[in-house]
Structures are given as structure tokens and as C-alpha cells.
Amino acid sequence: MIKQILGVILGYAIFVISSIFLFKFSGVNPHEDVSKLFMVLTFVYGTVFSFISGLVAQLISKARNLKVNYVLFIIMIGFAAFSLFKSSGSSWTQLLAIFVFAPVSVLGGLFWIKRNKK
């Protein structure tokens, strides 16, 4: 159980920290309108790190089922939805998190399970 909790926490931390780095180093406010190019780059960047977060959740938890990824999925959607309703301005980052990044974290876990089946 501890490994599962730790897997979810570290998986989510990877997602959040990578997002913070992207917006800090780019100097872009995630709640403002941005260029289409930056949106596409964010889509690709976030998709990669979401996939990695799902992988890490599985790697640490050693669950061999998607429960930890579903918990990670719910947490990602929950925080994105909370931010969506509380923030003003553009909502493109929250919508990406809800409709792309959270589901991709489950795919990362599924990939790990399929790859390490014994």
C-alpha cells in the first residue's frame, strides 16, 4: 500500500514539476492566451511527461494493474478542474490536463504493465 501511495505521489510530482519548469523557463503565464506554436509544444511536452508520470507510478508501486494510474488520473483531473473553476483568463492548460494529460498517464501505466508482463 505504501508503494502505491508513493507511486501516485511521485507520478503526480513529475507532472507538476515538469509543468512548473516549462512555464517558469519559458516566461509564459499558463492562464493567458499564447501562440498556437506554444500550445502545440505544451501539448507534446505535457503528453511526454504525463506518460512518464504513469510509468513511474507503475514502476514504484509494482501494482501490475491500473489502480494507481486511475488514482493518478483522478488527482490530475481534480486539480485541473479546481484550477479551471477558480482561475480567470484562458483555460487551455487546464483543458489539456483534463482531456489529454490525465488519460495519457493511464496509457503510461498500461505500457509499463504490458511491457513487463511475466
C-alpha atoms as a PDB file:
ATOM      1  CA  MET A   1       0.000   0.000   0.000  1.00  0.00           C
ATOM      2  CA  ILE A   2       2.844   2.408   0.839  1.00  0.00           C
ATOM      3  CA  LYS A   3       4.447   1.737  -2.553  1.00  0.00           C
ATOM      4  CA  GLN A   4       1.177   2.501  -4.302  1.00  0.00           C
ATOM      5  CA  ILE A   5       0.734   5.783  -2.466  1.00  0.00           C
ATOM      6  CA  LEU A   6       4.356   6.721  -3.122  1.00  0.00           C
ATOM      7  CA  GLY A   7       3.957   5.806  -6.805  1.00  0.00           C
ATOM      8  CA  VAL A   8       0.960   8.102  -7.173  1.00  0.00           C
ATOM      9  CA  ILE A   9       2.665  10.948  -5.304  1.00  0.00           C
ATOM     10  CA  LEU A  10       5.864  10.720  -7.341  1.00  0.00           C
ATOM     11  CA  GLY A  11       3.941  10.296 -10.574  1.00  0.00           C
ATOM     12  CA  TYR A  12       1.963  13.444  -9.841  1.00  0.00           C
ATOM     13  CA  ALA A  13       5.121  15.267  -8.735  1.00  0.00           C
ATOM     14  CA  ILE A  14       6.731  14.540 -12.111  1.00  0.00           C
ATOM     15  CA  PHE A  15       3.717  16.000 -13.885  1.00  0.00           C
ATOM     16  CA  VAL A  16       3.564  19.128 -11.698  1.00  0.00           C
ATOM     17  CA  ILE A  17       7.293  19.840 -11.542  1.00  0.00           C
ATOM     18  CA  SER A  18       7.694  19.447 -15.304  1.00  0.00           C
ATOM     19  CA  SER A  19       4.789  21.871 -15.807  1.00  0.00           C
ATOM     20  CA  ILE A  20       6.308  24.397 -13.428  1.00  0.00           C
ATOM     21  CA  PHE A  21       9.649  24.176 -15.243  1.00  0.00           C
ATOM     22  CA  LEU A  22       8.011  24.696 -18.628  1.00  0.00           C
ATOM     23  CA  PHE A  23       6.180  27.850 -17.621  1.00  0.00           C
ATOM     24  CA  LYS A  24       8.955  29.283 -15.416  1.00  0.00           C
ATOM     25  CA  PHE A  25      11.674  28.885 -18.033  1.00  0.00           C
ATOM     26  CA  SER A  26       9.517  29.970 -20.958  1.00  0.00           C
ATOM     27  CA  GLY A  27       8.219  33.009 -19.081  1.00  0.00           C
ATOM     28  CA  VAL A  28       4.687  32.218 -20.250  1.00  0.00           C
ATOM     29  CA  ASN A  29       1.686  32.628 -17.972  1.00  0.00           C
ATOM     30  CA  PRO A  30      -0.368  29.402 -18.229  1.00  0.00           C
ATOM     31  CA  HIS A  31      -3.612  31.350 -17.790  1.00  0.00           C
ATOM     32  CA  GLU A  32      -3.096  33.746 -20.696  1.00  0.00           C
ATOM     33  CA  ASP A  33      -3.601  33.363 -24.406  1.00  0.00           C
ATOM     34  CA  VAL A  34      -0.477  32.078 -26.159  1.00  0.00           C
ATOM     35  CA  SER A  35       0.579  31.324 -29.701  1.00  0.00           C
ATOM     36  CA  LYS A  36      -0.611  28.151 -31.395  1.00  0.00           C
ATOM     37  CA  LEU A  37       3.013  27.008 -31.623  1.00  0.00           C
ATOM     38  CA  PHE A  38       3.461  27.250 -27.855  1.00  0.00           C
ATOM     39  CA  MET A  39       0.194  25.357 -27.347  1.00  0.00           C
ATOM     40  CA  VAL A  40       1.431  22.566 -29.609  1.00  0.00           C
ATOM     41  CA  LEU A  41       4.789  22.466 -27.825  1.00  0.00           C
ATOM     42  CA  THR A  42       2.987  22.337 -24.481  1.00  0.00           C
ATOM     43  CA  PHE A  43       0.768  19.544 -25.797  1.00  0.00           C
ATOM     44  CA  VAL A  44       3.802  17.460 -26.809  1.00  0.00           C
ATOM     45  CA  TYR A  45       5.813  18.298 -23.671  1.00  0.00           C
ATOM     46  CA  GLY A  46       2.901  17.607 -21.341  1.00  0.00           C
ATOM     47  CA  THR A  47       1.999  14.387 -23.131  1.00  0.00           C
ATOM     48  CA  VAL A  48       5.551  13.067 -22.750  1.00  0.00           C
ATOM     49  CA  PHE A  49       5.749  13.932 -19.055  1.00  0.00           C
ATOM     50  CA  SER A  50       2.236  12.595 -18.376  1.00  0.00           C
ATOM     51  CA  PHE A  51       3.231   9.302 -19.972  1.00  0.00           C
ATOM     52  CA  ILE A  52       6.378   9.245 -17.831  1.00  0.00           C
ATOM     53  CA  SER A  53       4.326  10.002 -14.701  1.00  0.00           C
ATOM     54  CA  GLY A  54       2.134   6.971 -15.410  1.00  0.00           C
ATOM     55  CA  LEU A  55       5.212   4.822 -15.980  1.00  0.00           C
ATOM     56  CA  VAL A  56       6.798   5.962 -12.737  1.00  0.00           C
ATOM     57  CA  ALA A  57       3.592   5.332 -10.779  1.00  0.00           C
ATOM     58  CA  GLN A  58       3.661   1.724 -12.020  1.00  0.00           C
ATOM     59  CA  LEU A  59       7.417   1.317 -11.587  1.00  0.00           C
ATOM     60  CA  ILE A  60       7.320   2.378  -7.954  1.00  0.00           C
ATOM     61  CA  SER A  61       4.040   0.725  -6.964  1.00  0.00           C
ATOM     62  CA  LYS A  62       4.729  -2.582  -8.742  1.00  0.00           C
ATOM     63  CA  ALA A  63       0.945  -2.938  -8.819  1.00  0.00           C
ATOM     64  CA  ARG A  64       0.620  -4.713 -12.198  1.00  0.00           C
ATOM     65  CA  ASN A  65      -2.877  -3.275 -12.520  1.00  0.00           C
ATOM     66  CA  LEU A  66      -4.080   0.194 -13.388  1.00  0.00           C
ATOM     67  CA  LYS A  67      -5.487   1.173  -9.984  1.00  0.00           C
ATOM     68  CA  VAL A  68      -2.610   3.528  -9.196  1.00  0.00           C
ATOM     69  CA  ASN A  69      -2.940   5.086 -12.638  1.00  0.00           C
ATOM     70  CA  TYR A  70      -6.651   5.618 -12.161  1.00  0.00           C
ATOM     71  CA  VAL A  71      -5.944   7.342  -8.851  1.00  0.00           C
ATOM     72  CA  LEU A  72      -3.307   9.497 -10.576  1.00  0.00           C
ATOM     73  CA  PHE A  73      -5.848  10.219 -13.344  1.00  0.00           C
ATOM     74  CA  ILE A  74      -8.466  11.354 -10.816  1.00  0.00           C
ATOM     75  CA  ILE A  75      -5.983  13.560  -8.959  1.00  0.00           C
ATOM     76  CA  MET A  76      -4.800  15.187 -12.185  1.00  0.00           C
ATOM     77  CA  ILE A  77      -8.357  15.857 -13.320  1.00  0.00           C
ATOM     78  CA  GLY A  78      -9.391  17.047  -9.859  1.00  0.00           C
ATOM     79  CA  PHE A  79      -6.676  19.669  -9.561  1.00  0.00           C
ATOM     80  CA  ALA A  80      -7.138  20.781 -13.178  1.00  0.00           C
ATOM     81  CA  ALA A  81     -10.909  21.117 -12.699  1.00  0.00           C
ATOM     82  CA  PHE A  82     -10.399  23.056  -9.457  1.00  0.00           C
ATOM     83  CA  SER A  83      -7.990  25.380 -11.249  1.00  0.00           C
ATOM     84  CA  LEU A  84     -10.384  25.694 -14.187  1.00  0.00           C
ATOM     85  CA  PHE A  85     -13.205  26.933 -11.971  1.00  0.00           C
ATOM     86  CA  LYS A  86     -11.042  29.148  -9.742  1.00  0.00           C
ATOM     87  CA  SER A  87      -8.842  30.897 -12.284  1.00  0.00           C
ATOM     88  CA  SER A  88      -9.652  33.712 -14.607  1.00  0.00           C
ATOM     89  CA  GLY A  89      -8.288  34.110 -18.091  1.00  0.00           C
ATOM     90  CA  SER A  90      -7.563  31.413 -20.607  1.00  0.00           C
ATOM     91  CA  SER A  91      -8.249  27.785 -19.651  1.00  0.00           C
ATOM     92  CA  TRP A  92      -6.221  25.977 -22.297  1.00  0.00           C
ATOM     93  CA  THR A  93      -3.759  24.389 -19.851  1.00  0.00           C
ATOM     94  CA  GLN A  94      -6.489  23.004 -17.607  1.00  0.00           C
ATOM     95  CA  LEU A  95      -8.384  21.608 -20.591  1.00  0.00           C
ATOM     96  CA  LEU A  96      -5.230  19.904 -21.858  1.00  0.00           C
ATOM     97  CA  ALA A  97      -4.679  18.398 -18.408  1.00  0.00           C
ATOM     98  CA  ILE A  98      -8.248  17.095 -18.214  1.00  0.00           C
ATOM     99  CA  PHE A  99      -8.671  15.775 -21.749  1.00  0.00           C
ATOM    100  CA  VAL A 100      -5.111  14.793 -22.729  1.00  0.00           C
ATOM    101  CA  PHE A 101      -2.570  14.615 -19.931  1.00  0.00           C
ATOM    102  CA  ALA A 102      -4.624  12.684 -17.358  1.00  0.00           C
ATOM    103  CA  PRO A 103      -5.671   9.978 -19.866  1.00  0.00           C
ATOM    104  CA  VAL A 104      -2.101   9.698 -21.165  1.00  0.00           C
ATOM    105  CA  SER A 105      -0.872   8.962 -17.625  1.00  0.00           C
ATOM    106  CA  VAL A 106      -3.078   5.862 -17.684  1.00  0.00           C
ATOM    107  CA  LEU A 107      -1.553   4.881 -21.028  1.00  0.00           C
ATOM    108  CA  GLY A 108       1.906   5.194 -19.466  1.00  0.00           C
ATOM    109  CA  GLY A 109       0.893   2.717 -16.781  1.00  0.00           C
ATOM    110  CA  LEU A 110      -0.660   0.376 -19.329  1.00  0.00           C
ATOM    111  CA  PHE A 111       2.511   0.485 -21.403  1.00  0.00           C
ATOM    112  CA  TRP A 112       4.596  -0.437 -18.342  1.00  0.00           C
ATOM    113  CA  ILE A 113       2.291  -3.325 -17.443  1.00  0.00           C
ATOM    114  CA  LYS A 114       2.247  -4.718 -20.995  1.00  0.00           C
ATOM    115  CA  ARG A 115       5.995  -4.371 -21.378  1.00  0.00           C
ATOM    116  CA  ASN A 116       6.797  -6.093 -18.080  1.00  0.00           C
ATOM    117  CA  LYS A 117       4.291  -8.920 -18.219  1.00  0.00           C
ATOM    118  CA  LYS A 118       5.753 -12.174 -16.997  1.00  0.00           C
END
